[in-house]
PDB file of N, CA and C in Angstrom:
ATOM      1  N   MET A   1      53.480 -70.565 -48.498  1.00  0.00           N
ATOM      2  CA  MET A   1      52.818 -70.558 -47.228  1.00  0.00           C
ATOM      3  C   MET A   1      51.462 -71.248 -47.404  1.00  0.00           C
ATOM      4  N   SER A   2      51.117 -72.023 -46.446  1.00  0.00           N
ATOM      5  CA  SER A   2      49.880 -72.788 -46.579  1.00  0.00           C
ATOM      6  C   SER A   2      48.671 -71.918 -46.244  1.00  0.00           C
ATOM      7  N   LYS A   3      47.534 -72.371 -46.666  1.00  0.00           N
ATOM      8  CA  LYS A   3      46.291 -71.640 -46.418  1.00  0.00           C
ATOM      9  C   LYS A   3      45.990 -71.588 -44.926  1.00  0.00           C
ATOM     10  N   LEU A   4      46.369 -72.615 -44.184  1.00  0.00           N
ATOM     11  CA  LEU A   4      46.133 -72.647 -42.748  1.00  0.00           C
ATOM     12  C   LEU A   4      46.965 -71.570 -42.041  1.00  0.00           C
ATOM     13  N   ALA A   5      48.204 -71.394 -42.441  1.00  0.00           N
ATOM     14  CA  ALA A   5      49.074 -70.390 -41.834  1.00  0.00           C
ATOM     15  C   ALA A   5      48.552 -68.979 -42.128  1.00  0.00           C
ATOM     16  N   ILE A   6      48.096 -68.753 -43.352  1.00  0.00           N
ATOM     17  CA  ILE A   6      47.545 -67.454 -43.735  1.00  0.00           C
ATOM     18  C   ILE A   6      46.275 -67.173 -42.923  1.00  0.00           C
ATOM     19  N   PHE A   7      45.446 -68.190 -42.759  1.00  0.00           N
ATOM     20  CA  PHE A   7      44.212 -68.037 -41.980  1.00  0.00           C
ATOM     21  C   PHE A   7      44.535 -67.715 -40.515  1.00  0.00           C
ATOM     22  N   ILE A   8      45.518 -68.372 -39.932  1.00  0.00           N
ATOM     23  CA  ILE A   8      45.897 -68.134 -38.531  1.00  0.00           C
ATOM     24  C   ILE A   8      46.454 -66.722 -38.359  1.00  0.00           C
ATOM     25  N   ILE A   9      47.306 -66.277 -39.280  1.00  0.00           N
ATOM     26  CA  ILE A   9      47.867 -64.920 -39.195  1.00  0.00           C
ATOM     27  C   ILE A   9      46.765 -63.879 -39.361  1.00  0.00           C
ATOM     28  N   PHE A  10      45.879 -64.099 -40.330  1.00  0.00           N
ATOM     29  CA  PHE A  10      44.759 -63.178 -40.544  1.00  0.00           C
ATOM     30  C   PHE A  10      43.860 -63.121 -39.305  1.00  0.00           C
ATOM     31  N   SER A  11      43.568 -64.270 -38.723  1.00  0.00           N
ATOM     32  CA  SER A  11      42.727 -64.327 -37.525  1.00  0.00           C
ATOM     33  C   SER A  11      43.391 -63.623 -36.352  1.00  0.00           C
ATOM     34  N   ALA A  12      44.688 -63.764 -36.207  1.00  0.00           N
ATOM     35  CA  ALA A  12      45.417 -63.116 -35.119  1.00  0.00           C
ATOM     36  C   ALA A  12      45.396 -61.598 -35.290  1.00  0.00           C
ATOM     37  N   VAL A  13      45.561 -61.123 -36.518  1.00  0.00           N
ATOM     38  CA  VAL A  13      45.520 -59.684 -36.785  1.00  0.00           C
ATOM     39  C   VAL A  13      44.126 -59.136 -36.501  1.00  0.00           C
ATOM     40  N   MET A  14      43.109 -59.819 -36.930  1.00  0.00           N
ATOM     41  CA  MET A  14      41.739 -59.360 -36.704  1.00  0.00           C
ATOM     42  C   MET A  14      41.396 -59.362 -35.212  1.00  0.00           C
ATOM     43  N   LEU A  15      41.809 -60.385 -34.515  1.00  0.00           N
ATOM     44  CA  LEU A  15      41.566 -60.457 -33.088  1.00  0.00           C
ATOM     45  C   LEU A  15      42.285 -59.326 -32.355  1.00  0.00           C
ATOM     46  N   THR A  16      43.495 -59.027 -32.776  1.00  0.00           N
ATOM     47  CA  THR A  16      44.253 -57.928 -32.180  1.00  0.00           C
ATOM     48  C   THR A  16      43.540 -56.604 -32.420  1.00  0.00           C
ATOM     49  N   LEU A  17      43.052 -56.387 -33.622  1.00  0.00           N
ATOM     50  CA  LEU A  17      42.309 -55.156 -33.911  1.00  0.00           C
ATOM     51  C   LEU A  17      41.048 -55.057 -33.061  1.00  0.00           C
ATOM     52  N   ILE A  18      40.368 -56.150 -32.892  1.00  0.00           N
ATOM     53  CA  ILE A  18      39.158 -56.148 -32.070  1.00  0.00           C
ATOM     54  C   ILE A  18      39.504 -55.827 -30.624  1.00  0.00           C
ATOM     55  N   LEU A  19      40.538 -56.452 -30.102  1.00  0.00           N
ATOM     56  CA  LEU A  19      40.919 -56.237 -28.709  1.00  0.00           C
ATOM     57  C   LEU A  19      41.424 -54.819 -28.466  1.00  0.00           C
ATOM     58  N   VAL A  20      42.114 -54.251 -29.445  1.00  0.00           N
ATOM     59  CA  VAL A  20      42.704 -52.926 -29.260  1.00  0.00           C
ATOM     60  C   VAL A  20      41.694 -51.802 -29.513  1.00  0.00           C
ATOM     61  N   GLU A  21      40.812 -51.953 -30.473  1.00  0.00           N
ATOM     62  CA  GLU A  21      39.916 -50.866 -30.873  1.00  0.00           C
ATOM     63  C   GLU A  21      38.493 -50.984 -30.338  1.00  0.00           C
ATOM     64  N   ILE A  22      37.898 -52.107 -30.441  1.00  0.00           N
ATOM     65  CA  ILE A  22      36.468 -52.216 -30.168  1.00  0.00           C
ATOM     66  C   ILE A  22      36.174 -52.439 -28.692  1.00  0.00           C
ATOM     67  N   ILE A  23      36.847 -53.369 -28.063  1.00  0.00           N
ATOM     68  CA  ILE A  23      36.528 -53.711 -26.679  1.00  0.00           C
ATOM     69  C   ILE A  23      36.810 -52.558 -25.712  1.00  0.00           C
ATOM     70  N   PRO A  24      37.947 -51.834 -25.807  1.00  0.00           N
ATOM     71  CA  PRO A  24      38.122 -50.701 -24.873  1.00  0.00           C
ATOM     72  C   PRO A  24      37.033 -49.638 -24.992  1.00  0.00           C
ATOM     73  N   GLN A  25      36.505 -49.428 -26.188  1.00  0.00           N
ATOM     74  CA  GLN A  25      35.435 -48.449 -26.355  1.00  0.00           C
ATOM     75  C   GLN A  25      34.141 -48.938 -25.713  1.00  0.00           C
ATOM     76  N   MET A  26      33.971 -50.236 -25.665  1.00  0.00           N
ATOM     77  CA  MET A  26      32.793 -50.788 -25.015  1.00  0.00           C
ATOM     78  C   MET A  26      32.923 -50.707 -23.494  1.00  0.00           C
ATOM     79  N   ILE A  27      34.124 -50.917 -22.987  1.00  0.00           N
ATOM     80  CA  ILE A  27      34.345 -50.928 -21.549  1.00  0.00           C
ATOM     81  C   ILE A  27      34.521 -49.515 -21.018  1.00  0.00           C
ATOM     82  N   ILE A  28      35.337 -48.705 -21.669  1.00  0.00           N
ATOM     83  CA  ILE A  28      35.623 -47.342 -21.242  1.00  0.00           C
ATOM     84  C   ILE A  28      35.005 -46.398 -22.263  1.00  0.00           C
ATOM     85  N   PRO A  29      33.871 -45.784 -21.939  1.00  0.00           N
ATOM     86  CA  PRO A  29      33.240 -44.887 -22.908  1.00  0.00           C
ATOM     87  C   PRO A  29      34.083 -43.636 -23.131  1.00  0.00           C
ATOM     88  N   LYS A  30      33.969 -43.105 -24.328  1.00  0.00           N
ATOM     89  CA  LYS A  30      34.673 -41.865 -24.646  1.00  0.00           C
ATOM     90  C   LYS A  30      33.891 -40.701 -24.061  1.00  0.00           C
ATOM     91  N   TYR A  31      34.570 -39.839 -23.349  1.00  0.00           N
ATOM     92  CA  TYR A  31      33.927 -38.686 -22.729  1.00  0.00           C
ATOM     93  C   TYR A  31      34.176 -37.442 -23.567  1.00  0.00           C
ATOM     94  N   ASP A  32      33.164 -36.620 -23.617  1.00  0.00           N
ATOM     95  CA  ASP A  32      33.268 -35.343 -24.300  1.00  0.00           C
ATOM     96  C   ASP A  32      33.676 -34.317 -23.259  1.00  0.00           C
ATOM     97  N   PHE A  33      34.956 -33.975 -23.243  1.00  0.00           N
ATOM     98  CA  PHE A  33      35.460 -33.057 -22.236  1.00  0.00           C
ATOM     99  C   PHE A  33      35.130 -31.602 -22.568  1.00  0.00           C
ATOM    100  N   GLU A  34      34.596 -31.345 -23.741  1.00  0.00           N
ATOM    101  CA  GLU A  34      34.209 -29.990 -24.115  1.00  0.00           C
ATOM    102  C   GLU A  34      32.907 -29.591 -23.416  1.00  0.00           C
ATOM    103  N   THR A  35      32.002 -30.544 -23.274  1.00  0.00           N
ATOM    104  CA  THR A  35      30.704 -30.268 -22.686  1.00  0.00           C
ATOM    105  C   THR A  35      30.745 -30.609 -21.207  1.00  0.00           C
ATOM    106  N   VAL A  36      30.396 -29.661 -20.384  1.00  0.00           N
ATOM    107  CA  VAL A  36      30.380 -29.878 -18.946  1.00  0.00           C
ATOM    108  C   VAL A  36      28.929 -29.792 -18.485  1.00  0.00           C
ATOM    109  N   PHE A  37      28.477 -30.822 -17.808  1.00  0.00           N
ATOM    110  CA  PHE A  37      27.125 -30.838 -17.283  1.00  0.00           C
ATOM    111  C   PHE A  37      27.174 -30.483 -15.806  1.00  0.00           C
ATOM    112  N   VAL A  38      26.455 -29.454 -15.439  1.00  0.00           N
ATOM    113  CA  VAL A  38      26.409 -29.014 -14.049  1.00  0.00           C
ATOM    114  C   VAL A  38      24.988 -29.220 -13.552  1.00  0.00           C
ATOM    115  N   LYS A  39      24.883 -29.941 -12.476  1.00  0.00           N
ATOM    116  CA  LYS A  39      23.574 -30.179 -11.907  1.00  0.00           C
ATOM    117  C   LYS A  39      23.101 -28.908 -11.209  1.00  0.00           C
ATOM    118  N   LYS A  40      21.969 -28.422 -11.622  1.00  0.00           N
ATOM    119  CA  LYS A  40      21.426 -27.208 -11.021  1.00  0.00           C
ATOM    120  C   LYS A  40      20.766 -27.560  -9.692  1.00  0.00           C
ATOM    121  N   PRO A  41      20.997 -26.718  -8.696  1.00  0.00           N
ATOM    122  CA  PRO A  41      20.369 -27.012  -7.410  1.00  0.00           C
ATOM    123  C   PRO A  41      18.853 -26.862  -7.497  1.00  0.00           C
ATOM    124  N   LYS A  42      18.192 -27.705  -6.791  1.00  0.00           N
ATOM    125  CA  LYS A  42      16.737 -27.652  -6.779  1.00  0.00           C
ATOM    126  C   LYS A  42      16.304 -26.474  -5.906  1.00  0.00           C
ATOM    127  N   ILE A  43      15.484 -25.631  -6.467  1.00  0.00           N
ATOM    128  CA  ILE A  43      15.013 -24.452  -5.741  1.00  0.00           C
ATOM    129  C   ILE A  43      13.699 -24.805  -5.062  1.00  0.00           C
ATOM    130  N   GLU A  44      13.724 -24.697  -3.765  1.00  0.00           N
ATOM    131  CA  GLU A  44      12.514 -24.973  -3.008  1.00  0.00           C
ATOM    132  C   GLU A  44      11.749 -23.667  -2.802  1.00  0.00           C
ATOM    133  N   LYS A  45      10.476 -23.748  -3.010  1.00  0.00           N
ATOM    134  CA  LYS A  45       9.638 -22.575  -2.801  1.00  0.00           C
ATOM    135  C   LYS A  45       9.161 -22.614  -1.358  1.00  0.00           C
ATOM    136  N   ILE A  46       9.517 -21.588  -0.608  1.00  0.00           N
ATOM    137  CA  ILE A  46       9.146 -21.510   0.800  1.00  0.00           C
ATOM    138  C   ILE A  46       8.050 -20.463   0.944  1.00  0.00           C
ATOM    139  N   ASN A  47       7.001 -20.844   1.576  1.00  0.00           N
ATOM    140  CA  ASN A  47       5.923 -19.899   1.857  1.00  0.00           C
ATOM    141  C   ASN A  47       6.254 -19.133   3.130  1.00  0.00           C
ATOM    142  N   TYR A  48       5.851 -17.890   3.172  1.00  0.00           N
ATOM    143  CA  TYR A  48       6.136 -17.034   4.313  1.00  0.00           C
ATOM    144  C   TYR A  48       4.847 -16.487   4.882  1.00  0.00           C
ATOM    145  N   LYS A  49       4.841 -16.336   6.180  1.00  0.00           N
ATOM    146  CA  LYS A  49       3.743 -15.658   6.855  1.00  0.00           C
ATOM    147  C   LYS A  49       4.251 -14.255   7.182  1.00  0.00           C
ATOM    148  N   ILE A  50       3.569 -13.245   6.716  1.00  0.00           N
ATOM    149  CA  ILE A  50       4.000 -11.860   6.928  1.00  0.00           C
ATOM    150  C   ILE A  50       3.601 -11.433   8.338  1.00  0.00           C
ATOM    151  N   GLU A  51       4.592 -11.004   9.116  1.00  0.00           N
ATOM    152  CA  GLU A  51       4.352 -10.523  10.476  1.00  0.00           C
ATOM    153  C   GLU A  51       4.109  -9.021  10.506  1.00  0.00           C
ATOM    154  N   LYS A  52       4.934  -8.298   9.763  1.00  0.00           N
ATOM    155  CA  LYS A  52       4.832  -6.838   9.795  1.00  0.00           C
ATOM    156  C   LYS A  52       5.418  -6.266   8.512  1.00  0.00           C
ATOM    157  N   ILE A  53       4.729  -5.284   7.942  1.00  0.00           N
ATOM    158  CA  ILE A  53       5.263  -4.557   6.785  1.00  0.00           C
ATOM    159  C   ILE A  53       5.739  -3.205   7.289  1.00  0.00           C
ATOM    160  N   THR A  54       7.017  -2.921   7.077  1.00  0.00           N
ATOM    161  CA  THR A  54       7.594  -1.660   7.561  1.00  0.00           C
ATOM    162  C   THR A  54       7.410  -0.564   6.519  1.00  0.00           C
ATOM    163  N   ASP A  55       7.785   0.645   6.882  1.00  0.00           N
ATOM    164  CA  ASP A  55       7.672   1.780   5.959  1.00  0.00           C
ATOM    165  C   ASP A  55       8.932   1.963   5.114  1.00  0.00           C
ATOM    166  N   THR A  56       9.925   1.088   5.303  1.00  0.00           N
ATOM    167  CA  THR A  56      11.186   1.213   4.574  1.00  0.00           C
ATOM    168  C   THR A  56      10.998   0.775   3.125  1.00  0.00           C
ATOM    169  N   ASP A  57      11.433   1.626   2.217  1.00  0.00           N
ATOM    170  CA  ASP A  57      11.327   1.340   0.787  1.00  0.00           C
ATOM    171  C   ASP A  57      12.481   0.426   0.365  1.00  0.00           C
ATOM    172  N   CYS A  58      12.177  -0.686  -0.268  1.00  0.00           N
ATOM    173  CA  CYS A  58      13.206  -1.655  -0.697  1.00  0.00           C
ATOM    174  C   CYS A  58      14.142  -1.086  -1.758  1.00  0.00           C
ATOM    175  N   ARG A  59      13.643  -0.162  -2.543  1.00  0.00           N
ATOM    176  CA  ARG A  59      14.491   0.379  -3.615  1.00  0.00           C
ATOM    177  C   ARG A  59      15.606   1.251  -3.059  1.00  0.00           C
ATOM    178  N   ARG A  60      15.394   1.859  -1.900  1.00  0.00           N
ATOM    179  CA  ARG A  60      16.439   2.679  -1.277  1.00  0.00           C
ATOM    180  C   ARG A  60      17.292   1.874  -0.310  1.00  0.00           C
ATOM    181  N   ASP A  61      16.670   0.948   0.425  1.00  0.00           N
ATOM    182  CA  ASP A  61      17.387   0.132   1.412  1.00  0.00           C
ATOM    183  C   ASP A  61      17.279  -1.327   0.977  1.00  0.00           C
ATOM    184  N   SER A  62      18.241  -1.776   0.199  1.00  0.00           N
ATOM    185  CA  SER A  62      18.177  -3.133  -0.340  1.00  0.00           C
ATOM    186  C   SER A  62      18.457  -4.192   0.711  1.00  0.00           C
ATOM    187  N   GLU A  63      18.995  -3.804   1.865  1.00  0.00           N
ATOM    188  CA  GLU A  63      19.315  -4.754   2.928  1.00  0.00           C
ATOM    189  C   GLU A  63      18.059  -5.270   3.635  1.00  0.00           C
ATOM    190  N   CYS A  64      17.087  -4.413   3.857  1.00  0.00           N
ATOM    191  CA  CYS A  64      15.873  -4.762   4.597  1.00  0.00           C
ATOM    192  C   CYS A  64      16.224  -5.418   5.925  1.00  0.00           C
ATOM    193  N   ALA A  65      16.801  -4.666   6.818  1.00  0.00           N
ATOM    194  CA  ALA A  65      17.217  -5.201   8.115  1.00  0.00           C
ATOM    195  C   ALA A  65      16.011  -5.598   8.947  1.00  0.00           C
ATOM    196  N   THR A  66      16.109  -6.757   9.598  1.00  0.00           N
ATOM    197  CA  THR A  66      15.042  -7.244  10.470  1.00  0.00           C
ATOM    198  C   THR A  66      15.121  -6.503  11.808  1.00  0.00           C
ATOM    199  N   PRO A  67      14.023  -5.950  12.298  1.00  0.00           N
ATOM    200  CA  PRO A  67      14.036  -5.254  13.587  1.00  0.00           C
ATOM    201  C   PRO A  67      14.479  -6.189  14.724  1.00  0.00           C
ATOM    202  N   GLU A  68      15.172  -5.628  15.702  1.00  0.00           N
ATOM    203  CA  GLU A  68      15.746  -6.414  16.801  1.00  0.00           C
ATOM    204  C   GLU A  68      14.695  -7.170  17.606  1.00  0.00           C
ATOM    205  N   GLU A  69      13.538  -6.559  17.816  1.00  0.00           N
ATOM    206  CA  GLU A  69      12.529  -7.234  18.640  1.00  0.00           C
ATOM    207  C   GLU A  69      12.081  -8.565  18.012  1.00  0.00           C
ATOM    208  N   TYR A  70      12.133  -8.654  16.681  1.00  0.00           N
ATOM    209  CA  TYR A  70      11.781  -9.918  16.019  1.00  0.00           C
ATOM    210  C   TYR A  70      12.937 -10.913  16.067  1.00  0.00           C
ATOM    211  N   LEU A  71      14.165 -10.409  16.030  1.00  0.00           N
ATOM    212  CA  LEU A  71      15.326 -11.299  16.097  1.00  0.00           C
ATOM    213  C   LEU A  71      15.446 -11.962  17.471  1.00  0.00           C
ATOM    214  N   LEU A  72      14.951 -11.289  18.519  1.00  0.00           N
ATOM    215  CA  LEU A  72      15.036 -11.832  19.868  1.00  0.00           C
ATOM    216  C   LEU A  72      13.949 -12.865  20.160  1.00  0.00           C
ATOM    217  N   MET A  73      12.907 -12.893  19.373  1.00  0.00           N
ATOM    218  CA  MET A  73      11.819 -13.856  19.593  1.00  0.00           C
ATOM    219  C   MET A  73      12.258 -15.250  19.153  1.00  0.00           C
ATOM    220  N   SER A  74      11.821 -16.256  19.924  1.00  0.00           N
ATOM    221  CA  SER A  74      12.238 -17.627  19.613  1.00  0.00           C
ATOM    222  C   SER A  74      11.143 -18.463  18.954  1.00  0.00           C
ATOM    223  N   ARG A  75       9.993 -17.878  18.727  1.00  0.00           N
ATOM    224  CA  ARG A  75       8.897 -18.669  18.153  1.00  0.00           C
ATOM    225  C   ARG A  75       9.020 -18.893  16.650  1.00  0.00           C
ATOM    226  N   CYS A  76       9.948 -18.150  16.017  1.00  0.00           N
ATOM    227  CA  CYS A  76      10.093 -18.257  14.567  1.00  0.00           C
ATOM    228  C   CYS A  76      11.453 -17.694  14.151  1.00  0.00           C
ATOM    229  N   PRO A  77      12.086 -18.267  13.120  1.00  0.00           N
ATOM    230  CA  PRO A  77      13.332 -17.667  12.605  1.00  0.00           C
ATOM    231  C   PRO A  77      12.999 -16.505  11.655  1.00  0.00           C
ATOM    232  N   PHE A  78      12.713 -15.363  12.230  1.00  0.00           N
ATOM    233  CA  PHE A  78      12.270 -14.214  11.439  1.00  0.00           C
ATOM    234  C   PHE A  78      13.360 -13.738  10.480  1.00  0.00           C
ATOM    235  N   ALA A  79      12.915 -13.234   9.343  1.00  0.00           N
ATOM    236  CA  ALA A  79      13.803 -12.658   8.334  1.00  0.00           C
ATOM    237  C   ALA A  79      13.055 -11.505   7.680  1.00  0.00           C
ATOM    238  N   SER A  80      13.762 -10.745   6.877  1.00  0.00           N
ATOM    239  CA  SER A  80      13.130  -9.637   6.159  1.00  0.00           C
ATOM    240  C   SER A  80      13.175  -9.907   4.667  1.00  0.00           C
ATOM    241  N   LYS A  81      12.105  -9.565   4.001  1.00  0.00           N
ATOM    242  CA  LYS A  81      11.996  -9.717   2.546  1.00  0.00           C
ATOM    243  C   LYS A  81      11.362  -8.466   1.972  1.00  0.00           C
ATOM    244  N   CYS A  82      11.655  -8.229   0.703  1.00  0.00           N
ATOM    245  CA  CYS A  82      11.047  -7.113  -0.002  1.00  0.00           C
ATOM    246  C   CYS A  82       9.738  -7.602  -0.633  1.00  0.00           C
ATOM    247  N   ILE A  83       8.634  -7.060  -0.168  1.00  0.00           N
ATOM    248  CA  ILE A  83       7.321  -7.454  -0.682  1.00  0.00           C
ATOM    249  C   ILE A  83       6.590  -6.192  -1.119  1.00  0.00           C
ATOM    250  N   ASP A  84       6.236  -6.152  -2.388  1.00  0.00           N
ATOM    251  CA  ASP A  84       5.521  -5.007  -2.977  1.00  0.00           C
ATOM    252  C   ASP A  84       6.237  -3.687  -2.744  1.00  0.00           C
ATOM    253  N   GLY A  85       7.569  -3.691  -2.822  1.00  0.00           N
ATOM    254  CA  GLY A  85       8.341  -2.471  -2.705  1.00  0.00           C
ATOM    255  C   GLY A  85       8.607  -2.019  -1.270  1.00  0.00           C
ATOM    256  N   LYS A  86       8.109  -2.743  -0.290  1.00  0.00           N
ATOM    257  CA  LYS A  86       8.324  -2.396   1.115  1.00  0.00           C
ATOM    258  C   LYS A  86       9.019  -3.564   1.826  1.00  0.00           C
ATOM    259  N   CYS A  87       9.853  -3.241   2.813  1.00  0.00           N
ATOM    260  CA  CYS A  87      10.494  -4.280   3.617  1.00  0.00           C
ATOM    261  C   CYS A  87       9.453  -4.889   4.551  1.00  0.00           C
ATOM    262  N   ALA A  88       9.443  -6.198   4.652  1.00  0.00           N
ATOM    263  CA  ALA A  88       8.487  -6.884   5.513  1.00  0.00           C
ATOM    264  C   ALA A  88       9.216  -7.920   6.362  1.00  0.00           C
ATOM    265  N   VAL A  89       8.753  -8.070   7.595  1.00  0.00           N
ATOM    266  CA  VAL A  89       9.265  -9.101   8.483  1.00  0.00           C
ATOM    267  C   VAL A  89       8.411 -10.335   8.245  1.00  0.00           C
ATOM    268  N   VAL A  90       9.079 -11.452   7.910  1.00  0.00           N
ATOM    269  CA  VAL A  90       8.357 -12.668   7.554  1.00  0.00           C
ATOM    270  C   VAL A  90       8.848 -13.837   8.404  1.00  0.00           C
ATOM    271  N   CYS A  91       7.989 -14.840   8.506  1.00  0.00           N
ATOM    272  CA  CYS A  91       8.320 -16.081   9.198  1.00  0.00           C
ATOM    273  C   CYS A  91       8.092 -17.218   8.197  1.00  0.00           C
ATOM    274  N   PRO A  92       9.116 -18.053   7.945  1.00  0.00           N
ATOM    275  CA  PRO A  92       8.926 -19.167   7.015  1.00  0.00           C
ATOM    276  C   PRO A  92       7.823 -20.109   7.521  1.00  0.00           C
ATOM    277  N   ASP A  93       6.949 -20.488   6.627  1.00  0.00           N
ATOM    278  CA  ASP A  93       5.834 -21.377   6.960  1.00  0.00           C
ATOM    279  C   ASP A  93       6.274 -22.807   6.662  1.00  0.00           C
ATOM    280  N   PHE A  94       6.703 -23.513   7.709  1.00  0.00           N
ATOM    281  CA  PHE A  94       7.216 -24.882   7.529  1.00  0.00           C
ATOM    282  C   PHE A  94       6.103 -25.875   7.474  1.00  0.00           C
TER     283      PHE A  94
END
């Protein structure tokens, strides 16, 4: 076999190895399916204006229900929060 034929066969084998092994890894990256990245939601800090602090203890009543008279008002989307161990009616400060 001539040196030219050996060189052509060797070149074809090397080119095949490059095309099969190296180029797909460059085009299609290998993914690590063991590690899962979860994007954590961004927590926005909302300031509240306290309208009224009730006598209800948060440790006994974890619901902290908003009184009806505040729910009927349209000037603010009132909610209840536990502040210093007491239920309080608050208005988000936008």
